[in-house]
Amino acid sequence: MAVSSAVDGIVRAIFAYEFDDQDTVDTNAVDAIRMGEIDDWLRAVADSGLLSNDAVRDLESAWRIDPELLVEALLDGVDEVTARRVRANRVPAAIDANAAFVG
């Protein structure tokens, strides 16, 4: 599931403070996200009041399928070396968006 560029921009703005003025990315937070621990992040988005409940549910669905979408939002604004290092440890989406479901 894709996240619209408008929603993605709002999410990036909400989390802009997360790595601001830090020399490193919190790899423990990124690892937790990659393991599916996104509830706190969803709560932060919901509590911001900037997105509708439907948009938050869409984000939850997208992030659960591919947590790297959330990681990318958090990497917005970090230096290129840090971003490359974090991206190098990327994990594949839990479900390939192009996979066919056999029932």
PDB file of N, CA and C in Angstrom:
ATOM      1  N   MET A   1       0.852  -1.170   0.000  1.00  0.00           N
ATOM      2  CA  MET A   1       0.000   0.000   0.000  1.00  0.00           C
ATOM      3  C   MET A   1       0.896   1.230   0.000  1.00  0.00           C
ATOM      4  N   ALA A   2       0.618   2.116  -0.874  1.00  0.00           N
ATOM      5  CA  ALA A   2       1.410   3.341  -0.982  1.00  0.00           C
ATOM      6  C   ALA A   2       0.849   4.407  -0.047  1.00  0.00           C
ATOM      7  N   VAL A   3       1.715   5.261   0.391  1.00  0.00           N
ATOM      8  CA  VAL A   3       1.320   6.398   1.214  1.00  0.00           C
ATOM      9  C   VAL A   3       1.396   7.617   0.325  1.00  0.00           C
ATOM     10  N   SER A   4       0.332   8.427   0.318  1.00  0.00           N
ATOM     11  CA  SER A   4       0.340   9.592  -0.562  1.00  0.00           C
ATOM     12  C   SER A   4       1.462  10.547  -0.171  1.00  0.00           C
ATOM     13  N   SER A   5       1.917  11.313  -1.131  1.00  0.00           N
ATOM     14  CA  SER A   5       3.022  12.236  -0.854  1.00  0.00           C
ATOM     15  C   SER A   5       2.617  13.295   0.158  1.00  0.00           C
ATOM     16  N   ALA A   6       1.341  13.696   0.175  1.00  0.00           N
ATOM     17  CA  ALA A   6       0.880  14.687   1.157  1.00  0.00           C
ATOM     18  C   ALA A   6       0.950  14.111   2.569  1.00  0.00           C
ATOM     19  N   VAL A   7       0.452  12.881   2.725  1.00  0.00           N
ATOM     20  CA  VAL A   7       0.492  12.224   4.039  1.00  0.00           C
ATOM     21  C   VAL A   7       1.930  11.984   4.450  1.00  0.00           C
ATOM     22  N   ASP A   8       2.751  11.536   3.502  1.00  0.00           N
ATOM     23  CA  ASP A   8       4.161  11.291   3.787  1.00  0.00           C
ATOM     24  C   ASP A   8       4.831  12.578   4.266  1.00  0.00           C
ATOM     25  N   GLY A   9       4.540  13.682   3.637  1.00  0.00           N
ATOM     26  CA  GLY A   9       5.112  14.966   4.050  1.00  0.00           C
ATOM     27  C   GLY A   9       4.699  15.359   5.455  1.00  0.00           C
ATOM     28  N   ILE A  10       3.438  15.121   5.792  1.00  0.00           N
ATOM     29  CA  ILE A  10       2.948  15.440   7.144  1.00  0.00           C
ATOM     30  C   ILE A  10       3.648  14.561   8.170  1.00  0.00           C
ATOM     31  N   VAL A  11       3.773  13.274   7.865  1.00  0.00           N
ATOM     32  CA  VAL A  11       4.451  12.353   8.788  1.00  0.00           C
ATOM     33  C   VAL A  11       5.895  12.782   8.989  1.00  0.00           C
ATOM     34  N   ARG A  12       6.576  13.143   7.926  1.00  0.00           N
ATOM     35  CA  ARG A  12       7.966  13.595   8.041  1.00  0.00           C
ATOM     36  C   ARG A  12       8.057  14.854   8.901  1.00  0.00           C
ATOM     37  N   ALA A  13       7.098  15.737   8.761  1.00  0.00           N
ATOM     38  CA  ALA A  13       7.092  16.953   9.579  1.00  0.00           C
ATOM     39  C   ALA A  13       6.859  16.623  11.053  1.00  0.00           C
ATOM     40  N   ILE A  14       5.969  15.684  11.330  1.00  0.00           N
ATOM     41  CA  ILE A  14       5.682  15.295  12.713  1.00  0.00           C
ATOM     42  C   ILE A  14       6.938  14.730  13.374  1.00  0.00           C
ATOM     43  N   PHE A  15       7.695  13.940  12.619  1.00  0.00           N
ATOM     44  CA  PHE A  15       8.873  13.284  13.180  1.00  0.00           C
ATOM     45  C   PHE A  15      10.171  14.032  12.935  1.00  0.00           C
ATOM     46  N   ALA A  16      10.111  15.218  12.391  1.00  0.00           N
ATOM     47  CA  ALA A  16      11.330  15.967  12.059  1.00  0.00           C
ATOM     48  C   ALA A  16      12.238  16.172  13.264  1.00  0.00           C
ATOM     49  N   TYR A  17      11.667  16.274  14.425  1.00  0.00           N
ATOM     50  CA  TYR A  17      12.448  16.494  15.641  1.00  0.00           C
ATOM     51  C   TYR A  17      13.212  15.254  16.084  1.00  0.00           C
ATOM     52  N   GLU A  18      12.792  14.080  15.616  1.00  0.00           N
ATOM     53  CA  GLU A  18      13.282  12.822  16.181  1.00  0.00           C
ATOM     54  C   GLU A  18      14.801  12.697  16.126  1.00  0.00           C
ATOM     55  N   PHE A  19      15.429  13.013  15.018  1.00  0.00           N
ATOM     56  CA  PHE A  19      16.872  12.886  14.900  1.00  0.00           C
ATOM     57  C   PHE A  19      17.537  14.248  14.750  1.00  0.00           C
ATOM     58  N   ASP A  20      16.805  15.307  15.019  1.00  0.00           N
ATOM     59  CA  ASP A  20      17.336  16.658  14.873  1.00  0.00           C
ATOM     60  C   ASP A  20      18.500  16.879  15.822  1.00  0.00           C
ATOM     61  N   ASP A  21      19.560  17.470  15.305  1.00  0.00           N
ATOM     62  CA  ASP A  21      20.743  17.812  16.094  1.00  0.00           C
ATOM     63  C   ASP A  21      21.420  16.617  16.748  1.00  0.00           C
ATOM     64  N   GLN A  22      21.289  15.450  16.159  1.00  0.00           N
ATOM     65  CA  GLN A  22      21.988  14.283  16.684  1.00  0.00           C
ATOM     66  C   GLN A  22      22.990  13.822  15.641  1.00  0.00           C
ATOM     67  N   ASP A  23      24.105  13.328  16.112  1.00  0.00           N
ATOM     68  CA  ASP A  23      25.128  12.832  15.198  1.00  0.00           C
ATOM     69  C   ASP A  23      24.809  11.434  14.686  1.00  0.00           C
ATOM     70  N   THR A  24      23.946  10.714  15.387  1.00  0.00           N
ATOM     71  CA  THR A  24      23.637   9.352  14.993  1.00  0.00           C
ATOM     72  C   THR A  24      22.137   9.118  15.051  1.00  0.00           C
ATOM     73  N   VAL A  25      21.704   8.122  14.342  1.00  0.00           N
ATOM     74  CA  VAL A  25      20.320   7.677  14.377  1.00  0.00           C
ATOM     75  C   VAL A  25      20.213   6.637  15.481  1.00  0.00           C
ATOM     76  N   ASP A  26      19.109   6.643  16.184  1.00  0.00           N
ATOM     77  CA  ASP A  26      18.878   5.654  17.233  1.00  0.00           C
ATOM     78  C   ASP A  26      18.614   4.304  16.568  1.00  0.00           C
ATOM     79  N   THR A  27      19.661   3.520  16.443  1.00  0.00           N
ATOM     80  CA  THR A  27      19.522   2.238  15.743  1.00  0.00           C
ATOM     81  C   THR A  27      18.598   1.283  16.494  1.00  0.00           C
ATOM     82  N   ASN A  28      18.495   1.435  17.800  1.00  0.00           N
ATOM     83  CA  ASN A  28      17.558   0.596  18.554  1.00  0.00           C
ATOM     84  C   ASN A  28      16.129   0.896  18.132  1.00  0.00           C
ATOM     85  N   ALA A  29      15.811   2.168  17.925  1.00  0.00           N
ATOM     86  CA  ALA A  29      14.473   2.547  17.469  1.00  0.00           C
ATOM     87  C   ALA A  29      14.212   2.006  16.074  1.00  0.00           C
ATOM     88  N   VAL A  30      15.197   2.127  15.193  1.00  0.00           N
ATOM     89  CA  VAL A  30      15.042   1.621  13.824  1.00  0.00           C
ATOM     90  C   VAL A  30      14.883   0.101  13.837  1.00  0.00           C
ATOM     91  N   ASP A  31      15.675  -0.593  14.632  1.00  0.00           N
ATOM     92  CA  ASP A  31      15.553  -2.048  14.729  1.00  0.00           C
ATOM     93  C   ASP A  31      14.179  -2.452  15.246  1.00  0.00           C
ATOM     94  N   ALA A  32      13.680  -1.725  16.236  1.00  0.00           N
ATOM     95  CA  ALA A  32      12.354  -2.020  16.787  1.00  0.00           C
ATOM     96  C   ALA A  32      11.274  -1.820  15.721  1.00  0.00           C
ATOM     97  N   ILE A  33      11.389  -0.757  14.955  1.00  0.00           N
ATOM     98  CA  ILE A  33      10.435  -0.504  13.866  1.00  0.00           C
ATOM     99  C   ILE A  33      10.479  -1.654  12.875  1.00  0.00           C
ATOM    100  N   ARG A  34      11.668  -2.063  12.522  1.00  0.00           N
ATOM    101  CA  ARG A  34      11.823  -3.149  11.556  1.00  0.00           C
ATOM    102  C   ARG A  34      11.271  -4.472  12.073  1.00  0.00           C
ATOM    103  N   MET A  35      11.144  -4.591  13.384  1.00  0.00           N
ATOM    104  CA  MET A  35      10.554  -5.795  13.982  1.00  0.00           C
ATOM    105  C   MET A  35       9.046  -5.626  14.186  1.00  0.00           C
ATOM    106  N   GLY A  36       8.507  -4.494  13.709  1.00  0.00           N
ATOM    107  CA  GLY A  36       7.063  -4.297  13.762  1.00  0.00           C
ATOM    108  C   GLY A  36       6.554  -3.481  14.931  1.00  0.00           C
ATOM    109  N   GLU A  37       7.452  -2.934  15.724  1.00  0.00           N
ATOM    110  CA  GLU A  37       7.034  -2.139  16.876  1.00  0.00           C
ATOM    111  C   GLU A  37       6.766  -0.703  16.431  1.00  0.00           C
ATOM    112  N   ILE A  38       5.549  -0.470  15.978  1.00  0.00           N
ATOM    113  CA  ILE A  38       5.199   0.838  15.428  1.00  0.00           C
ATOM    114  C   ILE A  38       4.082   1.539  16.196  1.00  0.00           C
ATOM    115  N   ASP A  39       3.575   0.906  17.241  1.00  0.00           N
ATOM    116  CA  ASP A  39       2.425   1.468  17.956  1.00  0.00           C
ATOM    117  C   ASP A  39       2.693   2.873  18.509  1.00  0.00           C
ATOM    118  N   ASP A  40       3.852   3.098  19.100  1.00  0.00           N
ATOM    119  CA  ASP A  40       4.167   4.427  19.635  1.00  0.00           C
ATOM    120  C   ASP A  40       4.210   5.472  18.536  1.00  0.00           C
ATOM    121  N   TRP A  41       4.734   5.091  17.386  1.00  0.00           N
ATOM    122  CA  TRP A  41       4.822   6.016  16.249  1.00  0.00           C
ATOM    123  C   TRP A  41       3.428   6.340  15.723  1.00  0.00           C
ATOM    124  N   LEU A  42       2.577   5.320  15.641  1.00  0.00           N
ATOM    125  CA  LEU A  42       1.196   5.547  15.205  1.00  0.00           C
ATOM    126  C   LEU A  42       0.456   6.455  16.180  1.00  0.00           C
ATOM    127  N   ARG A  43       0.681   6.227  17.462  1.00  0.00           N
ATOM    128  CA  ARG A  43       0.045   7.055  18.485  1.00  0.00           C
ATOM    129  C   ARG A  43       0.484   8.507  18.345  1.00  0.00           C
ATOM    130  N   ALA A  44       1.767   8.713  18.059  1.00  0.00           N
ATOM    131  CA  ALA A  44       2.275  10.079  17.883  1.00  0.00           C
ATOM    132  C   ALA A  44       1.603  10.768  16.696  1.00  0.00           C
ATOM    133  N   VAL A  45       1.439  10.025  15.608  1.00  0.00           N
ATOM    134  CA  VAL A  45       0.771  10.589  14.431  1.00  0.00           C
ATOM    135  C   VAL A  45      -0.690  10.887  14.755  1.00  0.00           C
ATOM    136  N   ALA A  46      -1.365   9.937  15.378  1.00  0.00           N
ATOM    137  CA  ALA A  46      -2.780  10.130  15.721  1.00  0.00           C
ATOM    138  C   ALA A  46      -2.958  11.301  16.681  1.00  0.00           C
ATOM    139  N   ASP A  47      -2.088  11.388  17.676  1.00  0.00           N
ATOM    140  CA  ASP A  47      -2.191  12.450  18.680  1.00  0.00           C
ATOM    141  C   ASP A  47      -1.864  13.828  18.124  1.00  0.00           C
ATOM    142  N   SER A  48      -1.174  13.876  16.980  1.00  0.00           N
ATOM    143  CA  SER A  48      -0.838  15.175  16.399  1.00  0.00           C
ATOM    144  C   SER A  48      -2.088  15.905  15.926  1.00  0.00           C
ATOM    145  N   GLY A  49      -3.125  15.155  15.596  1.00  0.00           N
ATOM    146  CA  GLY A  49      -4.355  15.755  15.109  1.00  0.00           C
ATOM    147  C   GLY A  49      -4.268  16.263  13.677  1.00  0.00           C
ATOM    148  N   LEU A  50      -3.154  15.983  13.005  1.00  0.00           N
ATOM    149  CA  LEU A  50      -2.964  16.484  11.647  1.00  0.00           C
ATOM    150  C   LEU A  50      -3.550  15.571  10.571  1.00  0.00           C
ATOM    151  N   LEU A  51      -3.859  14.339  10.940  1.00  0.00           N
ATOM    152  CA  LEU A  51      -4.397  13.387   9.976  1.00  0.00           C
ATOM    153  C   LEU A  51      -5.721  12.821  10.474  1.00  0.00           C
ATOM    154  N   SER A  52      -6.583  12.486   9.545  1.00  0.00           N
ATOM    155  CA  SER A  52      -7.867  11.870   9.893  1.00  0.00           C
ATOM    156  C   SER A  52      -7.629  10.454  10.425  1.00  0.00           C
ATOM    157  N   ASN A  53      -8.641   9.917  11.087  1.00  0.00           N
ATOM    158  CA  ASN A  53      -8.542   8.537  11.572  1.00  0.00           C
ATOM    159  C   ASN A  53      -8.342   7.572  10.410  1.00  0.00           C
ATOM    160  N   ASP A  54      -8.995   7.835   9.278  1.00  0.00           N
ATOM    161  CA  ASP A  54      -8.811   6.974   8.106  1.00  0.00           C
ATOM    162  C   ASP A  54      -7.371   7.013   7.611  1.00  0.00           C
ATOM    163  N   ALA A  55      -6.769   8.197   7.596  1.00  0.00           N
ATOM    164  CA  ALA A  55      -5.373   8.321   7.149  1.00  0.00           C
ATOM    165  C   ALA A  55      -4.435   7.590   8.101  1.00  0.00           C
ATOM    166  N   VAL A  56      -4.699   7.659   9.396  1.00  0.00           N
ATOM    167  CA  VAL A  56      -3.869   6.947  10.377  1.00  0.00           C
ATOM    168  C   VAL A  56      -4.005   5.443  10.179  1.00  0.00           C
ATOM    169  N   ARG A  57      -5.222   4.974   9.923  1.00  0.00           N
ATOM    170  CA  ARG A  57      -5.411   3.532   9.658  1.00  0.00           C
ATOM    171  C   ARG A  57      -4.677   3.104   8.386  1.00  0.00           C
ATOM    172  N   ASP A  58      -4.699   3.964   7.368  1.00  0.00           N
ATOM    173  CA  ASP A  58      -3.965   3.653   6.131  1.00  0.00           C
ATOM    174  C   ASP A  58      -2.466   3.580   6.396  1.00  0.00           C
ATOM    175  N   LEU A  59      -1.963   4.514   7.204  1.00  0.00           N
ATOM    176  CA  LEU A  59      -0.541   4.485   7.576  1.00  0.00           C
ATOM    177  C   LEU A  59      -0.211   3.201   8.318  1.00  0.00           C
ATOM    178  N   GLU A  60      -1.055   2.845   9.267  1.00  0.00           N
ATOM    179  CA  GLU A  60      -0.802   1.623  10.034  1.00  0.00           C
ATOM    180  C   GLU A  60      -0.702   0.416   9.107  1.00  0.00           C
ATOM    181  N   SER A  61      -1.625   0.318   8.189  1.00  0.00           N
ATOM    182  CA  SER A  61      -1.610  -0.802   7.251  1.00  0.00           C
ATOM    183  C   SER A  61      -0.329  -0.797   6.425  1.00  0.00           C
ATOM    184  N   ALA A  62       0.031   0.358   5.896  1.00  0.00           N
ATOM    185  CA  ALA A  62       1.242   0.471   5.074  1.00  0.00           C
ATOM    186  C   ALA A  62       2.489   0.151   5.879  1.00  0.00           C
ATOM    187  N   TRP A  63       2.596   0.687   7.097  1.00  0.00           N
ATOM    188  CA  TRP A  63       3.778   0.471   7.922  1.00  0.00           C
ATOM    189  C   TRP A  63       3.886  -0.964   8.392  1.00  0.00           C
ATOM    190  N   ARG A  64       2.765  -1.628   8.623  1.00  0.00           N
ATOM    191  CA  ARG A  64       2.826  -3.032   9.046  1.00  0.00           C
ATOM    192  C   ARG A  64       3.285  -3.920   7.887  1.00  0.00           C
ATOM    193  N   ILE A  65       2.874  -3.565   6.666  1.00  0.00           N
ATOM    194  CA  ILE A  65       3.314  -4.322   5.496  1.00  0.00           C
ATOM    195  C   ILE A  65       4.786  -4.040   5.205  1.00  0.00           C
ATOM    196  N   ASP A  66       5.180  -2.760   5.293  1.00  0.00           N
ATOM    197  CA  ASP A  66       6.556  -2.374   4.995  1.00  0.00           C
ATOM    198  C   ASP A  66       7.038  -1.325   5.999  1.00  0.00           C
ATOM    199  N   PRO A  67       7.619  -1.762   7.124  1.00  0.00           N
ATOM    200  CA  PRO A  67       8.098  -0.825   8.145  1.00  0.00           C
ATOM    201  C   PRO A  67       9.158   0.150   7.631  1.00  0.00           C
ATOM    202  N   GLU A  68       9.781  -0.181   6.505  1.00  0.00           N
ATOM    203  CA  GLU A  68      10.797   0.716   5.942  1.00  0.00           C
ATOM    204  C   GLU A  68      10.200   2.060   5.530  1.00  0.00           C
ATOM    205  N   LEU A  69       8.894   2.109   5.274  1.00  0.00           N
ATOM    206  CA  LEU A  69       8.248   3.389   4.974  1.00  0.00           C
ATOM    207  C   LEU A  69       8.372   4.343   6.159  1.00  0.00           C
ATOM    208  N   LEU A  70       8.207   3.824   7.360  1.00  0.00           N
ATOM    209  CA  LEU A  70       8.372   4.629   8.571  1.00  0.00           C
ATOM    210  C   LEU A  70       9.836   4.986   8.769  1.00  0.00           C
ATOM    211  N   VAL A  71      10.732   4.036   8.546  1.00  0.00           N
ATOM    212  CA  VAL A  71      12.164   4.316   8.676  1.00  0.00           C
ATOM    213  C   VAL A  71      12.554   5.461   7.741  1.00  0.00           C
ATOM    214  N   GLU A  72      12.073   5.417   6.508  1.00  0.00           N
ATOM    215  CA  GLU A  72      12.385   6.474   5.547  1.00  0.00           C
ATOM    216  C   GLU A  72      11.875   7.826   6.020  1.00  0.00           C
ATOM    217  N   ALA A  73      10.695   7.849   6.610  1.00  0.00           N
ATOM    218  CA  ALA A  73      10.155   9.113   7.129  1.00  0.00           C
ATOM    219  C   ALA A  73      11.060   9.666   8.221  1.00  0.00           C
ATOM    220  N   LEU A  74      11.599   8.789   9.049  1.00  0.00           N
ATOM    221  CA  LEU A  74      12.482   9.229  10.130  1.00  0.00           C
ATOM    222  C   LEU A  74      13.844   9.680   9.625  1.00  0.00           C
ATOM    223  N   LEU A  75      14.249   9.169   8.472  1.00  0.00           N
ATOM    224  CA  LEU A  75      15.560   9.527   7.928  1.00  0.00           C
ATOM    225  C   LEU A  75      15.555  10.873   7.209  1.00  0.00           C
ATOM    226  N   ASP A  76      14.396  11.451   7.027  1.00  0.00           N
ATOM    227  CA  ASP A  76      14.304  12.730   6.331  1.00  0.00           C
ATOM    228  C   ASP A  76      15.168  13.769   7.038  1.00  0.00           C
ATOM    229  N   GLY A  77      16.125  14.306   6.324  1.00  0.00           N
ATOM    230  CA  GLY A  77      16.962  15.363   6.878  1.00  0.00           C
ATOM    231  C   GLY A  77      18.261  14.902   7.509  1.00  0.00           C
ATOM    232  N   VAL A  78      18.462  13.583   7.675  1.00  0.00           N
ATOM    233  CA  VAL A  78      19.742  13.137   8.235  1.00  0.00           C
ATOM    234  C   VAL A  78      20.806  13.211   7.150  1.00  0.00           C
ATOM    235  N   ASP A  79      22.051  13.211   7.559  1.00  0.00           N
ATOM    236  CA  ASP A  79      23.131  13.286   6.579  1.00  0.00           C
ATOM    237  C   ASP A  79      23.155  12.024   5.723  1.00  0.00           C
ATOM    238  N   GLU A  80      23.705  12.151   4.526  1.00  0.00           N
ATOM    239  CA  GLU A  80      23.670  11.072   3.534  1.00  0.00           C
ATOM    240  C   GLU A  80      24.404   9.818   4.008  1.00  0.00           C
ATOM    241  N   VAL A  81      25.505   9.971   4.710  1.00  0.00           N
ATOM    242  CA  VAL A  81      26.257   8.803   5.187  1.00  0.00           C
ATOM    243  C   VAL A  81      25.415   8.007   6.181  1.00  0.00           C
ATOM    244  N   THR A  82      24.774   8.709   7.103  1.00  0.00           N
ATOM    245  CA  THR A  82      23.917   8.041   8.081  1.00  0.00           C
ATOM    246  C   THR A  82      22.759   7.347   7.375  1.00  0.00           C
ATOM    247  N   ALA A  83      22.132   8.043   6.443  1.00  0.00           N
ATOM    248  CA  ALA A  83      21.002   7.460   5.715  1.00  0.00           C
ATOM    249  C   ALA A  83      21.426   6.191   4.977  1.00  0.00           C
ATOM    250  N   ARG A  84      22.581   6.223   4.323  1.00  0.00           N
ATOM    251  CA  ARG A  84      23.067   5.036   3.608  1.00  0.00           C
ATOM    252  C   ARG A  84      23.337   3.885   4.556  1.00  0.00           C
ATOM    253  N   ARG A  85      23.921   4.204   5.697  1.00  0.00           N
ATOM    254  CA  ARG A  85      24.231   3.155   6.679  1.00  0.00           C
ATOM    255  C   ARG A  85      22.947   2.487   7.169  1.00  0.00           C
ATOM    256  N   VAL A  86      21.941   3.285   7.477  1.00  0.00           N
ATOM    257  CA  VAL A  86      20.680   2.735   7.967  1.00  0.00           C
ATOM    258  C   VAL A  86      19.970   1.957   6.858  1.00  0.00           C
ATOM    259  N   ARG A  87      19.981   2.502   5.655  1.00  0.00           N
ATOM    260  CA  ARG A  87      19.313   1.826   4.529  1.00  0.00           C
ATOM    261  C   ARG A  87      19.997   0.515   4.172  1.00  0.00           C
ATOM    262  N   ALA A  88      21.285   0.407   4.426  1.00  0.00           N
ATOM    263  CA  ALA A  88      22.014  -0.824   4.106  1.00  0.00           C
ATOM    264  C   ALA A  88      21.489  -2.010   4.905  1.00  0.00           C
ATOM    265  N   ASN A  89      20.877  -1.723   6.028  1.00  0.00           N
ATOM    266  CA  ASN A  89      20.335  -2.781   6.879  1.00  0.00           C
ATOM    267  C   ASN A  89      18.841  -3.003   6.648  1.00  0.00           C
ATOM    268  N   ARG A  90      18.337  -2.513   5.521  1.00  0.00           N
ATOM    269  CA  ARG A  90      16.924  -2.610   5.196  1.00  0.00           C
ATOM    270  C   ARG A  90      16.460  -4.056   5.206  1.00  0.00           C
ATOM    271  N   VAL A  91      15.251  -4.259   5.676  1.00  0.00           N
ATOM    272  CA  VAL A  91      14.643  -5.588   5.635  1.00  0.00           C
ATOM    273  C   VAL A  91      13.532  -5.578   4.602  1.00  0.00           C
ATOM    274  N   PRO A  92      13.324  -6.703   3.930  1.00  0.00           N
ATOM    275  CA  PRO A  92      12.263  -6.750   2.922  1.00  0.00           C
ATOM    276  C   PRO A  92      10.890  -6.637   3.578  1.00  0.00           C
ATOM    277  N   ALA A  93       9.927  -6.133   2.820  1.00  0.00           N
ATOM    278  CA  ALA A  93       8.564  -6.019   3.315  1.00  0.00           C
ATOM    279  C   ALA A  93       8.076  -7.388   3.740  1.00  0.00           C
ATOM    280  N   ALA A  94       7.214  -7.404   4.760  1.00  0.00           N
ATOM    281  CA  ALA A  94       6.675  -8.661   5.247  1.00  0.00           C
ATOM    282  C   ALA A  94       5.884  -9.375   4.152  1.00  0.00           C
ATOM    283  N   ILE A  95       5.200  -8.592   3.341  1.00  0.00           N
ATOM    284  CA  ILE A  95       4.440  -9.145   2.228  1.00  0.00           C
ATOM    285  C   ILE A  95       4.819  -8.347   1.002  1.00  0.00           C
ATOM    286  N   ASP A  96       5.299  -9.019  -0.021  1.00  0.00           N
ATOM    287  CA  ASP A  96       5.651  -8.346  -1.258  1.00  0.00           C
ATOM    288  C   ASP A  96       4.380  -7.744  -1.855  1.00  0.00           C
ATOM    289  N   ALA A  97       4.409  -6.443  -2.127  1.00  0.00           N
ATOM    290  CA  ALA A  97       3.228  -5.756  -2.644  1.00  0.00           C
ATOM    291  C   ALA A  97       2.766  -6.337  -3.970  1.00  0.00           C
ATOM    292  N   ASN A  98       3.660  -6.972  -4.695  1.00  0.00           N
ATOM    293  CA  ASN A  98       3.298  -7.548  -5.993  1.00  0.00           C
ATOM    294  C   ASN A  98       2.981  -9.037  -5.911  1.00  0.00           C
ATOM    295  N   ALA A  99       3.033  -9.605  -4.717  1.00  0.00           N
ATOM    296  CA  ALA A  99       2.804 -11.040  -4.572  1.00  0.00           C
ATOM    297  C   ALA A  99       1.342 -11.377  -4.813  1.00  0.00           C
ATOM    298  N   ALA A 100       1.120 -12.507  -5.408  1.00  0.00           N
ATOM    299  CA  ALA A 100      -0.247 -12.980  -5.634  1.00  0.00           C
ATOM    300  C   ALA A 100      -0.643 -13.842  -4.446  1.00  0.00           C
ATOM    301  N   PHE A 101      -1.858 -13.664  -4.000  1.00  0.00           N
ATOM    302  CA  PHE A 101      -2.371 -14.474  -2.901  1.00  0.00           C
ATOM    303  C   PHE A 101      -3.108 -15.663  -3.489  1.00  0.00           C
ATOM    304  N   VAL A 102      -2.776 -16.822  -2.996  1.00  0.00           N
ATOM    305  CA  VAL A 102      -3.425 -18.042  -3.466  1.00  0.00           C
ATOM    306  C   VAL A 102      -4.367 -18.493  -2.364  1.00  0.00           C
ATOM    307  N   GLY A 103      -5.602 -18.706  -2.722  1.00  0.00           N
ATOM    308  CA  GLY A 103      -6.592 -19.044  -1.693  1.00  0.00           C
ATOM    309  C   GLY A 103      -7.159 -20.398  -1.791  1.00  0.00           C
TER     310      GLY A 103
END
